[in-house]
Amino acid sequence: MINYERFSILWEFTELDAEGLPSAAELTRMKDFENALCAVMQADHAALLVMVFTEPTHREFIWLARHKSAFQTRLNTAESLGAKLPITLDHETDALGEFYLSYATKVVERLKPTVG
């Protein structure tokens, strides 16, 4: 049985536009960071980006990884591609990917047509 390592990378918005949304420059930096991280994580299937949430003050990237140390090493590689990023990292061991599966199950249930 694999115990997945779940990582949550939280990007706090630092540049907002007039409507209170992330600036175009910050959106570009987030996209570049996500692409760089996907490239280093998914090249050898070390981790998989399973969800991205965007809230009014931050964006959260949820990853499932096989090994904690490999994820952290690759994260440092991706971070070195640019300036210091406004991110924080959270980690939990997630037996069988329960966090993702519980969320995905709820989404599927909401999408089912109602009978009536």
N, C-alpha and C. Protein backbone atom coordinates (compact mmCIF):
# COMPACT_ATOMS: atom_id res chain seq x y z
N MET A 1 0.84 -1.18 0.00
CA MET A 1 0.00 0.00 0.00
C MET A 1 0.89 1.24 0.00
N ILE A 2 0.55 2.19 -0.84
CA ILE A 2 1.30 3.45 -0.91
C ILE A 2 0.63 4.47 0.00
N ASN A 3 1.42 5.11 0.82
CA ASN A 3 0.95 6.26 1.57
C ASN A 3 1.42 7.50 0.84
N TYR A 4 0.49 8.18 0.21
CA TYR A 4 0.85 9.36 -0.55
C TYR A 4 1.20 10.51 0.39
N GLU A 5 2.08 11.34 -0.08
CA GLU A 5 2.42 12.57 0.62
C GLU A 5 1.65 13.69 -0.07
N ARG A 6 0.81 14.37 0.69
CA ARG A 6 0.03 15.47 0.11
C ARG A 6 0.68 16.79 0.49
N PHE A 7 0.93 17.58 -0.53
CA PHE A 7 1.53 18.89 -0.32
C PHE A 7 0.56 19.96 -0.80
N SER A 8 0.45 20.99 -0.02
CA SER A 8 -0.35 22.15 -0.37
C SER A 8 0.60 23.34 -0.46
N ILE A 9 0.67 23.94 -1.63
CA ILE A 9 1.48 25.14 -1.82
C ILE A 9 0.51 26.31 -1.91
N LEU A 10 0.64 27.22 -0.97
CA LEU A 10 -0.26 28.37 -0.90
C LEU A 10 0.48 29.61 -1.40
N TRP A 11 -0.04 30.22 -2.44
CA TRP A 11 0.53 31.45 -3.01
C TRP A 11 -0.36 32.61 -2.58
N GLU A 12 0.15 33.44 -1.69
CA GLU A 12 -0.59 34.63 -1.23
C GLU A 12 -0.44 35.73 -2.27
N PHE A 13 -1.55 36.30 -2.72
CA PHE A 13 -1.49 37.37 -3.70
C PHE A 13 -0.83 38.60 -3.09
N THR A 14 0.11 39.17 -3.83
CA THR A 14 0.82 40.36 -3.35
C THR A 14 0.56 41.59 -4.20
N GLU A 15 0.11 41.39 -5.45
CA GLU A 15 -0.18 42.50 -6.36
C GLU A 15 -1.61 42.38 -6.84
N LEU A 16 -2.46 43.29 -6.41
CA LEU A 16 -3.86 43.24 -6.81
C LEU A 16 -4.18 44.37 -7.78
N ASP A 17 -5.13 44.12 -8.67
CA ASP A 17 -5.56 45.17 -9.58
C ASP A 17 -6.67 45.99 -8.93
N ALA A 18 -7.27 46.89 -9.67
CA ALA A 18 -8.29 47.79 -9.13
C ALA A 18 -9.52 47.05 -8.61
N GLU A 19 -9.80 45.87 -9.16
CA GLU A 19 -10.96 45.08 -8.73
C GLU A 19 -10.63 44.13 -7.58
N GLY A 20 -9.38 44.17 -7.10
CA GLY A 20 -8.98 43.29 -6.00
C GLY A 20 -8.56 41.90 -6.43
N LEU A 21 -8.34 41.72 -7.72
CA LEU A 21 -7.89 40.44 -8.26
C LEU A 21 -6.38 40.49 -8.48
N PRO A 22 -5.74 39.32 -8.61
CA PRO A 22 -4.30 39.33 -8.86
C PRO A 22 -3.98 40.11 -10.14
N SER A 23 -2.89 40.86 -10.11
CA SER A 23 -2.49 41.63 -11.28
C SER A 23 -2.09 40.69 -12.41
N ALA A 24 -2.05 41.22 -13.62
CA ALA A 24 -1.63 40.42 -14.78
C ALA A 24 -0.23 39.87 -14.57
N ALA A 25 0.65 40.68 -14.00
CA ALA A 25 2.03 40.22 -13.75
C ALA A 25 2.06 39.06 -12.76
N GLU A 26 1.25 39.16 -11.71
CA GLU A 26 1.23 38.07 -10.72
C GLU A 26 0.61 36.81 -11.31
N LEU A 27 -0.44 36.95 -12.11
CA LEU A 27 -1.03 35.79 -12.78
C LEU A 27 0.00 35.09 -13.67
N THR A 28 0.80 35.88 -14.37
CA THR A 28 1.85 35.31 -15.22
C THR A 28 2.88 34.57 -14.38
N ARG A 29 3.31 35.17 -13.26
CA ARG A 29 4.28 34.49 -12.38
C ARG A 29 3.72 33.18 -11.83
N MET A 30 2.44 33.17 -11.45
CA MET A 30 1.82 31.93 -10.95
C MET A 30 1.77 30.87 -12.03
N LYS A 31 1.41 31.29 -13.25
CA LYS A 31 1.34 30.34 -14.36
C LYS A 31 2.73 29.77 -14.65
N ASP A 32 3.74 30.63 -14.67
CA ASP A 32 5.11 30.17 -14.93
C ASP A 32 5.58 29.22 -13.83
N PHE A 33 5.27 29.54 -12.57
CA PHE A 33 5.63 28.68 -11.45
C PHE A 33 4.95 27.32 -11.58
N GLU A 34 3.64 27.32 -11.86
CA GLU A 34 2.90 26.07 -12.01
C GLU A 34 3.49 25.23 -13.14
N ASN A 35 3.78 25.86 -14.28
CA ASN A 35 4.35 25.12 -15.41
C ASN A 35 5.72 24.55 -15.08
N ALA A 36 6.57 25.34 -14.41
CA ALA A 36 7.90 24.87 -14.03
C ALA A 36 7.80 23.72 -13.04
N LEU A 37 6.91 23.84 -12.07
CA LEU A 37 6.76 22.79 -11.07
C LEU A 37 6.20 21.52 -11.70
N CYS A 38 5.23 21.66 -12.59
CA CYS A 38 4.70 20.48 -13.29
C CYS A 38 5.81 19.78 -14.08
N ALA A 39 6.65 20.56 -14.73
CA ALA A 39 7.72 19.97 -15.53
C ALA A 39 8.68 19.16 -14.67
N VAL A 40 9.09 19.68 -13.52
CA VAL A 40 10.06 18.95 -12.70
C VAL A 40 9.41 17.83 -11.90
N MET A 41 8.15 17.95 -11.54
CA MET A 41 7.48 16.92 -10.74
C MET A 41 7.00 15.75 -11.60
N GLN A 42 6.49 16.07 -12.77
CA GLN A 42 5.84 15.05 -13.56
C GLN A 42 6.76 14.36 -14.56
N ALA A 43 7.99 14.85 -14.69
CA ALA A 43 8.94 14.25 -15.64
C ALA A 43 9.16 12.77 -15.33
N ASP A 44 9.30 12.43 -14.06
CA ASP A 44 9.50 11.03 -13.68
C ASP A 44 8.39 10.54 -12.75
N HIS A 45 7.26 11.20 -12.80
CA HIS A 45 6.07 10.83 -12.02
C HIS A 45 6.31 10.88 -10.52
N ALA A 46 7.14 11.81 -10.07
CA ALA A 46 7.41 11.95 -8.64
C ALA A 46 6.20 12.51 -7.91
N ALA A 47 5.43 13.34 -8.59
CA ALA A 47 4.24 13.94 -7.97
C ALA A 47 3.27 14.35 -9.07
N LEU A 48 2.03 14.51 -8.67
CA LEU A 48 0.98 14.87 -9.61
C LEU A 48 0.16 16.02 -9.03
N LEU A 49 -0.02 17.06 -9.83
CA LEU A 49 -0.88 18.18 -9.44
C LEU A 49 -2.32 17.70 -9.59
N VAL A 50 -3.06 17.64 -8.48
CA VAL A 50 -4.42 17.09 -8.54
C VAL A 50 -5.52 18.14 -8.45
N MET A 51 -5.22 19.29 -7.84
CA MET A 51 -6.23 20.34 -7.73
C MET A 51 -5.57 21.70 -7.60
N VAL A 52 -6.26 22.71 -8.08
CA VAL A 52 -5.84 24.10 -7.87
C VAL A 52 -7.09 24.88 -7.47
N PHE A 53 -7.01 25.54 -6.32
CA PHE A 53 -8.11 26.37 -5.84
C PHE A 53 -7.67 27.82 -5.91
N THR A 54 -8.56 28.69 -6.36
CA THR A 54 -8.28 30.12 -6.33
C THR A 54 -9.31 30.78 -5.43
N GLU A 55 -8.82 31.45 -4.41
CA GLU A 55 -9.65 32.14 -3.43
C GLU A 55 -9.39 33.64 -3.57
N PRO A 56 -10.14 34.48 -2.86
CA PRO A 56 -9.94 35.93 -3.00
C PRO A 56 -8.54 36.42 -2.62
N THR A 57 -7.84 35.73 -1.74
CA THR A 57 -6.53 36.22 -1.29
C THR A 57 -5.36 35.33 -1.67
N HIS A 58 -5.65 34.16 -2.25
CA HIS A 58 -4.55 33.22 -2.54
C HIS A 58 -4.97 32.18 -3.57
N ARG A 59 -3.97 31.46 -4.05
CA ARG A 59 -4.18 30.29 -4.90
C ARG A 59 -3.48 29.12 -4.22
N GLU A 60 -4.15 27.97 -4.21
CA GLU A 60 -3.60 26.79 -3.56
C GLU A 60 -3.42 25.67 -4.58
N PHE A 61 -2.23 25.12 -4.61
CA PHE A 61 -1.88 24.01 -5.50
C PHE A 61 -1.78 22.75 -4.64
N ILE A 62 -2.58 21.72 -4.95
CA ILE A 62 -2.57 20.48 -4.18
C ILE A 62 -1.86 19.40 -5.00
N TRP A 63 -0.84 18.82 -4.40
CA TRP A 63 -0.02 17.79 -5.05
C TRP A 63 -0.07 16.49 -4.26
N LEU A 64 -0.06 15.36 -4.96
CA LEU A 64 0.17 14.06 -4.35
C LEU A 64 1.53 13.58 -4.82
N ALA A 65 2.36 13.19 -3.85
CA ALA A 65 3.73 12.76 -4.17
C ALA A 65 3.98 11.38 -3.58
N ARG A 66 4.96 10.70 -4.15
CA ARG A 66 5.35 9.39 -3.63
C ARG A 66 6.30 9.52 -2.45
N HIS A 67 7.18 10.52 -2.51
CA HIS A 67 8.20 10.66 -1.47
C HIS A 67 8.33 12.12 -1.07
N LYS A 68 8.32 12.36 0.22
CA LYS A 68 8.40 13.72 0.75
C LYS A 68 9.69 14.41 0.33
N SER A 69 10.83 13.75 0.48
CA SER A 69 12.11 14.39 0.20
C SER A 69 12.26 14.71 -1.29
N ALA A 70 11.79 13.82 -2.16
CA ALA A 70 11.89 14.08 -3.60
C ALA A 70 11.05 15.30 -3.99
N PHE A 71 9.87 15.43 -3.40
CA PHE A 71 9.02 16.58 -3.70
C PHE A 71 9.71 17.87 -3.28
N GLN A 72 10.24 17.88 -2.07
CA GLN A 72 10.88 19.09 -1.56
C GLN A 72 12.10 19.48 -2.39
N THR A 73 12.87 18.49 -2.82
CA THR A 73 14.04 18.78 -3.67
C THR A 73 13.60 19.40 -4.98
N ARG A 74 12.58 18.83 -5.60
CA ARG A 74 12.10 19.36 -6.88
C ARG A 74 11.46 20.74 -6.72
N LEU A 75 10.78 20.96 -5.60
CA LEU A 75 10.20 22.28 -5.34
C LEU A 75 11.31 23.32 -5.27
N ASN A 76 12.39 23.00 -4.60
CA ASN A 76 13.52 23.93 -4.52
C ASN A 76 14.10 24.20 -5.90
N THR A 77 14.14 23.20 -6.76
CA THR A 77 14.62 23.38 -8.13
C THR A 77 13.73 24.36 -8.88
N ALA A 78 12.42 24.18 -8.78
CA ALA A 78 11.49 25.07 -9.48
C ALA A 78 11.56 26.49 -8.91
N GLU A 79 11.70 26.61 -7.60
CA GLU A 79 11.78 27.94 -6.99
C GLU A 79 13.03 28.69 -7.44
N SER A 80 14.09 27.95 -7.73
CA SER A 80 15.34 28.60 -8.12
C SER A 80 15.25 29.22 -9.51
N LEU A 81 14.16 28.98 -10.22
CA LEU A 81 14.01 29.52 -11.57
C LEU A 81 13.67 31.00 -11.58
N GLY A 82 13.32 31.55 -10.43
CA GLY A 82 12.93 32.96 -10.42
C GLY A 82 13.18 33.59 -9.08
N ALA A 83 12.59 34.74 -8.89
CA ALA A 83 12.74 35.49 -7.64
C ALA A 83 12.02 34.76 -6.51
N LYS A 84 12.28 35.20 -5.31
CA LYS A 84 11.61 34.61 -4.15
C LYS A 84 10.10 34.71 -4.34
N LEU A 85 9.41 33.61 -4.09
CA LEU A 85 7.98 33.55 -4.34
C LEU A 85 7.19 33.67 -3.03
N PRO A 86 5.98 34.23 -3.11
CA PRO A 86 5.15 34.40 -1.90
C PRO A 86 4.38 33.12 -1.56
N ILE A 87 5.11 32.02 -1.33
CA ILE A 87 4.45 30.74 -1.10
C ILE A 87 4.79 30.18 0.28
N THR A 88 3.87 29.36 0.77
CA THR A 88 4.10 28.56 1.96
C THR A 88 3.74 27.13 1.62
N LEU A 89 4.35 26.19 2.34
CA LEU A 89 4.19 24.77 2.05
C LEU A 89 3.60 24.07 3.26
N ASP A 90 2.61 23.23 3.02
CA ASP A 90 2.04 22.39 4.06
C ASP A 90 2.11 20.95 3.57
N HIS A 91 2.26 20.01 4.51
CA HIS A 91 2.43 18.62 4.14
C HIS A 91 1.66 17.72 5.10
N GLU A 92 1.06 16.67 4.56
CA GLU A 92 0.46 15.60 5.36
C GLU A 92 0.62 14.30 4.61
N THR A 93 0.83 13.21 5.36
CA THR A 93 0.78 11.89 4.74
C THR A 93 -0.69 11.58 4.51
N ASP A 94 -1.02 11.14 3.31
CA ASP A 94 -2.42 10.96 2.92
C ASP A 94 -2.60 9.53 2.41
N ALA A 95 -2.90 8.63 3.33
CA ALA A 95 -3.07 7.22 2.96
C ALA A 95 -4.09 7.08 1.83
N LEU A 96 -3.66 6.46 0.77
CA LEU A 96 -4.52 6.15 -0.37
C LEU A 96 -5.11 7.37 -1.08
N GLY A 97 -4.54 8.54 -0.86
CA GLY A 97 -5.04 9.73 -1.54
C GLY A 97 -6.44 10.12 -1.11
N GLU A 98 -6.76 9.94 0.15
CA GLU A 98 -8.13 10.15 0.65
C GLU A 98 -8.62 11.59 0.48
N PHE A 99 -7.75 12.57 0.63
CA PHE A 99 -8.17 13.96 0.47
C PHE A 99 -8.73 14.19 -0.93
N TYR A 100 -7.96 13.80 -1.93
CA TYR A 100 -8.39 13.98 -3.32
C TYR A 100 -9.66 13.18 -3.60
N LEU A 101 -9.68 11.92 -3.20
CA LEU A 101 -10.83 11.07 -3.49
C LEU A 101 -12.10 11.58 -2.82
N SER A 102 -11.99 12.10 -1.60
CA SER A 102 -13.19 12.61 -0.94
C SER A 102 -13.72 13.84 -1.67
N TYR A 103 -12.83 14.70 -2.13
CA TYR A 103 -13.25 15.89 -2.86
C TYR A 103 -13.83 15.50 -4.22
N ALA A 104 -13.14 14.61 -4.94
CA ALA A 104 -13.60 14.20 -6.27
C ALA A 104 -14.96 13.52 -6.19
N THR A 105 -15.17 12.71 -5.16
CA THR A 105 -16.46 12.04 -4.99
C THR A 105 -17.59 13.06 -4.83
N LYS A 106 -17.34 14.11 -4.06
CA LYS A 106 -18.35 15.15 -3.87
C LYS A 106 -18.66 15.87 -5.17
N VAL A 107 -17.64 16.12 -5.97
CA VAL A 107 -17.85 16.79 -7.26
C VAL A 107 -18.67 15.91 -8.18
N VAL A 108 -18.33 14.63 -8.25
CA VAL A 108 -19.07 13.70 -9.11
C VAL A 108 -20.53 13.63 -8.67
N GLU A 109 -20.76 13.57 -7.38
CA GLU A 109 -22.14 13.52 -6.87
C GLU A 109 -22.93 14.76 -7.29
N ARG A 110 -22.30 15.92 -7.25
CA ARG A 110 -22.99 17.15 -7.64
C ARG A 110 -23.31 17.19 -9.12
N LEU A 111 -22.50 16.51 -9.92
CA LEU A 111 -22.69 16.53 -11.37
C LEU A 111 -23.72 15.52 -11.85
N LYS A 112 -24.09 14.58 -11.01
CA LYS A 112 -25.07 13.57 -11.42
C LYS A 112 -26.41 14.24 -11.65
N PRO A 113 -27.08 13.84 -12.73
CA PRO A 113 -28.41 14.42 -12.98
C PRO A 113 -29.39 13.99 -11.89
N THR A 114 -30.27 14.89 -11.55
CA THR A 114 -31.29 14.56 -10.55
C THR A 114 -32.44 13.84 -11.23
N VAL A 115 -32.96 12.87 -10.53
CA VAL A 115 -34.10 12.12 -11.06
C VAL A 115 -35.36 12.74 -10.49
N GLY A 116 -36.30 12.97 -11.31
CA GLY A 116 -37.49 13.56 -10.73
C GLY A 116 -38.42 14.02 -11.71
